[in-house]
Amino acid sequence: MIARIGKVRLVILGALLLAAAWGTHFLWGWYGPGPLAKDTAFVVPDGASIGSIASKLEAEGAVASASTFRARARLLGTTAPIKAGEFSLPAHASGSTILKILQGAEGAMRRLVTVPEGMPAIMVQERLMAQPLLTGTVDVPEEGTVLPDSYEFRRGEPRKAVLARMQAAMTKTLAELWAQRSADTVAKTPQEALILASIVEKETGKPAERRMVAGLYSNRLRKGMLLQADPTIIYPITRGKPLGRRIRQSEIQAVNDYNTYSMTGLPKGPITNPGRASIEAVLHPAHTEALYMVADGTGGHVFADTLAEHNANVAKWFAIRRARGDL
């Protein structure tokens, strides 16, 4: 009888040890290091299930077994859904770590395409087409419809979808800023604000000057003066790309819907995609009497209220250029 009790105890002990060993193995297989040899980008398509993802993880060497990953995920993981996107899985990531990454945004790889302030529509299209992780084609958007910013995208996302977000951002931003405009803006419509902002964007590289430049051009518009903005000469020639040479006299005199040296008022449309700050500057221009400006050699401008002051500033600018050897 005693011997039988001893054998039963041994069997129970053995079963307990076996269960403990199996439990340790089960837990170690979930929390211990995985087989992934190096940091790896892992793509989860839209609508993917834990089952299909487990098979994909096994195929790409992130887990040893799809079936055991699914079992451990059901017993030890959370019920949060898998998110679509591209994720960075670190080398030797455990099953537990992988599931948490795929369920949350913290492990998502950020893919960005950036539209700088003042990038014309033709270059926005070129930038989208040059991004190899996007799909499909996209036409050149209407000028001024894209808000300069950095936009996140997913691998394989259509270019048209990314462009639509860029344009929706501009529509929303312009509406918000127009609603907050000051009473002294010269713009009568949001489109006029956009057109003038595009000129301001191209005319100054110094953020601190934007409201002053906007105030100057507002003054000229009110007085019926020619805006005489050089970028409006260039736009019909290059569609907003750099000219790469000096402007010719024939181009200054050219008559078209954009050249503000040969027409009063605003061009028929924007000459680039202005940023938020340039739109704000037009809608909240500086209070100034300035009607003229010329480059000062530092990327900024010298402003003048009278033609005599302006001519003196121009003479100084030409002296700077001669000293540089530009003339």
Protein backbone atom coordinates (compact mmCIF):
# COMPACT_ATOMS: atom_id res chain seq x y z
CA MET A 1 0.00 0.00 0.00
CA ILE A 2 2.77 2.40 0.94
CA ALA A 3 4.65 1.44 -2.19
CA ARG A 4 1.57 2.16 -4.32
CA ILE A 5 1.16 5.60 -2.68
CA GLY A 6 4.80 6.31 -3.39
CA LYS A 7 4.36 5.41 -7.05
CA VAL A 8 1.26 7.62 -7.31
CA ARG A 9 3.17 10.48 -5.77
CA LEU A 10 5.99 9.97 -8.24
CA VAL A 11 3.54 9.94 -11.14
CA ILE A 12 1.88 13.13 -9.86
CA LEU A 13 5.25 14.74 -9.28
CA GLY A 14 6.35 13.75 -12.75
CA ALA A 15 3.18 15.14 -14.25
CA LEU A 16 3.63 18.37 -12.33
CA LEU A 17 7.24 18.65 -13.46
CA LEU A 18 6.22 17.91 -17.04
CA ALA A 19 3.44 20.50 -16.86
CA ALA A 20 5.84 23.01 -15.35
CA ALA A 21 8.36 22.30 -18.08
CA TRP A 22 5.70 22.62 -20.77
CA GLY A 23 4.40 25.83 -19.20
CA THR A 24 7.91 27.24 -19.03
CA HIS A 25 8.44 26.33 -22.67
CA PHE A 26 5.08 27.85 -23.62
CA LEU A 27 5.86 31.09 -21.80
CA TRP A 28 9.45 31.22 -23.04
CA GLY A 29 8.20 30.79 -26.58
CA TRP A 30 6.06 33.89 -26.10
CA TYR A 31 8.26 36.15 -23.99
CA GLY A 32 11.70 34.89 -24.94
CA PRO A 33 13.79 36.04 -27.93
CA GLY A 34 12.44 35.16 -31.36
CA PRO A 35 14.22 33.90 -34.49
CA LEU A 36 14.33 37.20 -36.42
CA ALA A 37 17.99 37.76 -37.31
CA LYS A 38 17.86 41.53 -37.92
CA ASP A 39 15.54 44.53 -37.73
CA THR A 40 12.91 43.98 -40.40
CA ALA A 41 10.12 45.98 -42.03
CA PHE A 42 6.84 44.07 -41.84
CA VAL A 43 3.73 45.08 -43.80
CA VAL A 44 0.22 44.38 -42.54
CA PRO A 45 -2.35 44.79 -45.33
CA ASP A 46 -5.80 46.25 -44.72
CA GLY A 47 -8.26 43.76 -43.23
CA ALA A 48 -5.60 41.19 -42.23
CA SER A 49 -6.53 38.68 -39.52
CA ILE A 50 -4.30 37.28 -36.77
CA GLY A 51 -4.29 33.97 -38.65
CA SER A 52 -3.05 35.38 -41.94
CA ILE A 53 -0.52 37.57 -40.16
CA ALA A 54 0.81 34.59 -38.17
CA SER A 55 1.46 32.72 -41.42
CA LYS A 56 3.15 35.80 -42.89
CA LEU A 57 5.33 36.17 -39.77
CA GLU A 58 6.45 32.55 -40.07
CA ALA A 59 7.16 32.92 -43.78
CA GLU A 60 9.32 36.00 -43.13
CA GLY A 61 11.19 34.35 -40.25
CA ALA A 62 9.79 36.49 -37.44
CA VAL A 63 8.25 33.54 -35.54
CA ALA A 64 9.15 29.86 -35.50
CA SER A 65 5.59 28.60 -35.96
CA ALA A 66 2.41 30.28 -37.10
CA SER A 67 0.20 27.85 -35.17
CA THR A 68 2.01 28.29 -31.84
CA PHE A 69 2.08 32.07 -32.35
CA ARG A 70 -1.70 32.05 -32.83
CA ALA A 71 -2.21 29.82 -29.77
CA ARG A 72 -0.01 31.93 -27.54
CA ALA A 73 -1.59 35.13 -28.85
CA ARG A 74 -5.07 33.82 -27.94
CA LEU A 75 -4.02 32.74 -24.43
CA LEU A 76 -1.43 35.36 -23.49
CA GLY A 77 -2.09 38.34 -25.74
CA THR A 78 -4.77 41.00 -25.75
CA THR A 79 -7.84 41.12 -27.98
CA ALA A 80 -6.87 44.46 -29.58
CA PRO A 81 -7.09 44.29 -33.40
CA ILE A 82 -4.10 44.13 -35.70
CA LYS A 83 -3.49 47.46 -37.42
CA ALA A 84 -2.72 47.93 -41.09
CA GLY A 85 0.57 49.60 -41.98
CA GLU A 86 4.28 49.07 -42.17
CA PHE A 87 6.01 48.18 -38.89
CA SER A 88 9.59 47.84 -37.79
CA LEU A 89 10.20 44.52 -35.99
CA PRO A 90 13.43 44.55 -33.99
CA ALA A 91 15.89 41.68 -34.22
CA HIS A 92 14.99 38.71 -31.97
CA ALA A 93 11.66 40.30 -31.03
CA SER A 94 9.54 37.99 -28.87
CA GLY A 95 6.07 36.91 -29.93
CA SER A 96 4.65 39.15 -27.23
CA THR A 97 6.60 42.15 -28.51
CA ILE A 98 5.59 41.49 -32.11
CA LEU A 99 1.90 41.31 -31.23
CA LYS A 100 2.08 44.57 -29.25
CA ILE A 101 3.81 46.31 -32.15
CA LEU A 102 1.23 45.12 -34.65
CA GLN A 103 -1.63 46.14 -32.37
CA GLY A 104 -0.33 49.62 -31.70
CA ALA A 105 0.94 52.64 -33.59
CA GLU A 106 4.21 53.03 -31.66
CA GLY A 107 6.02 50.54 -33.86
CA ALA A 108 4.69 51.87 -37.14
CA MET A 109 7.29 53.11 -39.59
CA ARG A 110 6.58 56.71 -40.59
CA ARG A 111 6.78 57.21 -44.34
CA LEU A 112 6.66 60.90 -45.22
CA VAL A 113 6.49 62.91 -48.40
CA THR A 114 7.19 66.60 -47.91
CA VAL A 115 5.93 69.58 -49.90
CA PRO A 116 8.03 72.63 -48.96
CA GLU A 117 6.49 76.09 -48.87
CA GLY A 118 6.52 77.56 -52.36
CA MET A 119 6.75 74.28 -54.28
CA PRO A 120 4.71 74.64 -57.49
CA ALA A 121 2.17 72.06 -58.55
CA ILE A 122 4.32 70.57 -61.31
CA MET A 123 7.04 69.74 -58.77
CA VAL A 124 4.50 68.29 -56.32
CA GLN A 125 3.45 65.87 -59.05
CA GLU A 126 7.09 65.01 -59.79
CA ARG A 127 7.79 64.38 -56.11
CA LEU A 128 4.82 62.05 -55.77
CA MET A 129 5.77 60.16 -58.92
CA ALA A 130 9.36 59.79 -57.68
CA GLN A 131 8.24 58.09 -54.44
CA PRO A 132 8.74 54.37 -55.20
CA LEU A 133 6.58 53.11 -52.33
CA LEU A 134 3.43 54.72 -53.73
CA THR A 135 1.32 53.24 -56.51
CA GLY A 136 -0.57 54.48 -59.55
CA THR A 137 -0.16 57.76 -61.36
CA VAL A 138 -1.26 61.28 -60.57
CA ASP A 139 -1.77 64.34 -62.76
CA VAL A 140 -0.36 67.77 -62.03
CA PRO A 141 -2.79 69.29 -59.51
CA GLU A 142 -4.32 72.71 -59.93
CA GLU A 143 -1.85 75.35 -58.75
CA GLY A 144 -2.36 76.52 -55.18
CA THR A 145 -4.53 73.58 -54.11
CA VAL A 146 -1.85 71.75 -52.08
CA LEU A 147 -0.93 72.79 -48.54
CA PRO A 148 2.84 72.61 -48.00
CA ASP A 149 3.53 70.16 -45.17
CA SER A 150 4.84 66.65 -44.50
CA TYR A 151 2.32 63.90 -45.22
CA GLU A 152 2.42 60.36 -43.90
CA PHE A 153 1.63 57.49 -46.25
CA ARG A 154 1.56 53.70 -46.30
CA ARG A 155 3.59 51.48 -48.56
CA GLY A 156 1.52 50.69 -51.64
CA GLU A 157 -0.92 53.58 -51.10
CA PRO A 158 -2.19 55.23 -54.30
CA ARG A 159 -0.57 58.55 -55.16
CA LYS A 160 -4.00 60.01 -55.82
CA ALA A 161 -4.99 59.29 -52.22
CA VAL A 162 -1.95 61.15 -50.86
CA LEU A 163 -2.60 64.11 -53.16
CA ALA A 164 -6.24 64.19 -52.05
CA ARG A 165 -5.07 64.58 -48.41
CA MET A 166 -2.76 67.42 -49.42
CA GLN A 167 -5.59 69.21 -51.19
CA ALA A 168 -8.08 68.60 -48.39
CA ALA A 169 -5.57 70.14 -45.97
CA MET A 170 -5.35 73.30 -48.10
CA THR A 171 -9.13 73.57 -48.41
CA LYS A 172 -9.53 73.26 -44.66
CA THR A 173 -6.68 75.63 -43.79
CA LEU A 174 -7.77 78.33 -46.24
CA ALA A 175 -11.32 78.22 -44.89
CA GLU A 176 -10.12 78.49 -41.29
CA LEU A 177 -7.76 81.39 -42.00
CA TRP A 178 -10.31 83.23 -44.15
CA ALA A 179 -12.81 83.10 -41.29
CA GLN A 180 -10.22 84.80 -39.04
CA ARG A 181 -9.12 87.48 -41.54
CA SER A 182 -8.60 91.06 -40.45
CA ALA A 183 -10.73 93.89 -41.84
CA ASP A 184 -7.76 95.49 -43.60
CA THR A 185 -6.93 92.60 -45.90
CA VAL A 186 -7.12 93.59 -49.56
CA ALA A 187 -8.37 90.11 -50.54
CA LYS A 188 -12.06 90.05 -51.39
CA THR A 189 -12.32 86.25 -51.67
CA PRO A 190 -10.37 83.23 -50.40
CA GLN A 191 -9.07 82.70 -53.96
CA GLU A 192 -7.68 86.24 -54.09
CA ALA A 193 -5.98 85.60 -50.74
CA LEU A 194 -4.45 82.43 -52.15
CA ILE A 195 -3.17 84.19 -55.29
CA LEU A 196 -1.58 87.06 -53.36
CA ALA A 197 -0.14 84.65 -50.80
CA SER A 198 1.54 82.71 -53.60
CA ILE A 199 3.30 85.92 -54.71
CA VAL A 200 4.35 86.71 -51.14
CA GLU A 201 5.66 83.15 -50.80
CA LYS A 202 7.88 83.49 -53.85
CA GLU A 203 9.05 87.03 -53.15
CA THR A 204 10.70 86.57 -49.77
CA GLY A 205 12.80 83.88 -48.16
CA LYS A 206 12.59 85.49 -44.72
CA PRO A 207 9.57 84.53 -42.61
CA ALA A 208 9.75 87.80 -40.68
CA GLU A 209 9.17 89.75 -43.90
CA ARG A 210 5.99 88.05 -45.03
CA ARG A 211 3.52 90.48 -43.45
CA MET A 212 5.56 93.47 -44.67
CA VAL A 213 5.65 92.15 -48.24
CA ALA A 214 1.92 91.44 -48.01
CA GLY A 215 1.34 95.01 -46.77
CA LEU A 216 3.38 96.46 -49.64
CA TYR A 217 1.49 94.55 -52.32
CA SER A 218 -1.82 95.36 -50.63
CA ASN A 219 -0.93 99.06 -50.90
CA ARG A 220 -0.10 98.75 -54.59
CA LEU A 221 -3.35 96.92 -55.32
CA ARG A 222 -5.39 99.60 -53.55
CA LYS A 223 -3.67 102.32 -55.57
CA GLY A 224 -4.09 100.47 -58.87
CA MET A 225 -0.33 100.21 -59.32
CA LEU A 226 1.41 97.38 -61.15
CA LEU A 227 2.56 94.75 -58.67
CA GLN A 228 5.77 94.16 -60.68
CA ALA A 229 6.52 90.84 -58.98
CA ASP A 230 9.31 89.00 -60.80
CA PRO A 231 7.95 85.50 -60.00
CA THR A 232 4.84 86.32 -62.03
CA ILE A 233 7.06 86.79 -65.09
CA ILE A 234 8.69 83.40 -64.56
CA TYR A 235 5.57 81.32 -63.88
CA PRO A 236 4.20 81.18 -67.46
CA ILE A 237 7.67 80.23 -68.70
CA THR A 238 8.58 77.42 -66.28
CA ARG A 239 5.29 76.71 -64.42
CA GLY A 240 7.04 77.79 -61.26
CA LYS A 241 10.36 75.99 -61.58
CA PRO A 242 13.56 78.08 -61.23
CA LEU A 243 14.35 80.00 -64.40
CA GLY A 244 18.08 79.38 -64.11
CA ARG A 245 19.03 82.65 -65.81
CA ARG A 246 18.24 86.34 -65.78
CA ILE A 247 14.84 87.50 -66.92
CA ARG A 248 14.90 88.89 -70.46
CA GLN A 249 13.48 92.30 -71.37
CA SER A 250 11.04 90.63 -73.77
CA GLU A 251 9.74 88.49 -70.89
CA ILE A 252 9.25 91.55 -68.68
CA GLN A 253 7.13 93.10 -71.43
CA ALA A 254 5.20 89.91 -72.24
CA VAL A 255 1.44 90.21 -72.01
CA ASN A 256 -0.32 87.23 -70.45
CA ASP A 257 -2.59 86.34 -67.55
CA TYR A 258 0.24 86.24 -64.98
CA ASN A 259 2.84 88.91 -65.72
CA THR A 260 2.22 91.73 -63.23
CA TYR A 261 4.67 94.00 -65.10
CA SER A 262 2.19 94.27 -67.97
CA MET A 263 -1.12 94.17 -66.09
CA THR A 264 -2.68 95.69 -63.01
CA GLY A 265 -4.34 93.60 -60.35
CA LEU A 266 -3.71 89.99 -59.48
CA PRO A 267 -2.73 87.16 -61.85
CA LYS A 268 -5.53 84.83 -62.92
CA GLY A 269 -4.40 82.18 -60.44
CA PRO A 270 -1.73 81.25 -57.88
CA ILE A 271 1.86 80.92 -59.06
CA THR A 272 2.80 78.32 -56.45
CA ASN A 273 1.47 76.51 -53.38
CA PRO A 274 1.77 79.03 -50.53
CA GLY A 275 2.25 77.91 -46.96
CA ARG A 276 0.02 78.73 -44.04
CA ALA A 277 2.23 81.63 -42.89
CA SER A 278 2.04 83.41 -46.26
CA ILE A 279 -1.76 83.08 -46.32
CA GLU A 280 -1.91 84.48 -42.78
CA ALA A 281 0.32 87.37 -43.85
CA VAL A 282 -2.06 88.36 -46.65
CA LEU A 283 -5.05 88.13 -44.35
CA HIS A 284 -3.23 90.11 -41.62
CA PRO A 285 -0.87 92.43 -43.53
CA ALA A 286 1.55 94.82 -41.86
CA HIS A 287 0.38 98.41 -41.47
CA THR A 288 2.87 100.20 -43.72
CA GLU A 289 3.09 102.94 -46.32
CA ALA A 290 5.73 100.99 -48.28
CA LEU A 291 5.24 100.74 -52.05
CA TYR A 292 8.69 99.55 -53.14
CA MET A 293 11.25 96.96 -52.16
CA VAL A 294 14.59 95.73 -53.40
CA ALA A 295 16.92 92.94 -52.30
CA ASP A 296 19.39 93.78 -49.54
CA GLY A 297 21.96 91.05 -50.24
CA THR A 298 21.03 88.90 -47.24
CA GLY A 299 17.98 87.16 -48.67
CA GLY A 300 15.72 89.92 -47.44
CA HIS A 301 14.59 93.31 -48.71
CA VAL A 302 14.83 97.04 -48.07
CA PHE A 303 11.44 98.75 -48.18
CA ALA A 304 10.65 102.29 -49.28
CA ASP A 305 7.60 104.55 -49.22
CA THR A 306 8.70 106.76 -52.10
CA LEU A 307 10.28 106.23 -55.49
CA ALA A 308 13.25 108.43 -54.56
CA GLU A 309 13.99 106.26 -51.52
CA HIS A 310 13.59 103.16 -53.64
CA ASN A 311 16.01 104.41 -56.31
CA ALA A 312 18.62 105.03 -53.63
CA ASN A 313 18.11 101.49 -52.30
CA VAL A 314 18.42 100.09 -55.81
CA ALA A 315 21.74 101.92 -56.26
CA LYS A 316 23.01 100.32 -53.05
CA TRP A 317 21.87 96.87 -54.27
CA PHE A 318 23.72 97.32 -57.56
CA ALA A 319 26.84 98.33 -55.63
CA ILE A 320 26.58 95.10 -53.62
CA ARG A 321 26.24 93.06 -56.81
CA ARG A 322 29.21 94.80 -58.43
CA ALA A 323 31.31 94.08 -55.32
CA ARG A 324 30.33 90.42 -55.59
CA GLY A 325 31.23 90.31 -59.26
CA ASP A 326 27.64 89.68 -60.33
CA LEU A 327 27.67 92.60 -62.76
